């Protein structure tokens, strides 16, 4: 794997979204390339520092329900036009 390839998929690597083969290829490249390794480590360190300093916002208990209802109302025709009853389960919302 070359540096340009690693840079192109760095976000996916950092988020652990690559398949096993791609993850291994990136790790091998990072082992031999100090520049790419530094770039990835810098991002990982930044993420870690931000997560340690920023507390998640506490949302009201009804936030997920209101947000889901609003999104479904606005996007209903785009989610499953032929199956409106299934639109709520097409994509899980990243809201807990």
Foldseek 3Di string as FASTA:
>chain_A
DDPVVCVVCVVCLLVVNDPPVVVVVSVVVLVVDVVSVVVSVVVNVVVVVCVVPDDDDDDDPCVVVVVLVVCCVVCQCPQCVPDSVCSSPSDPDPDD
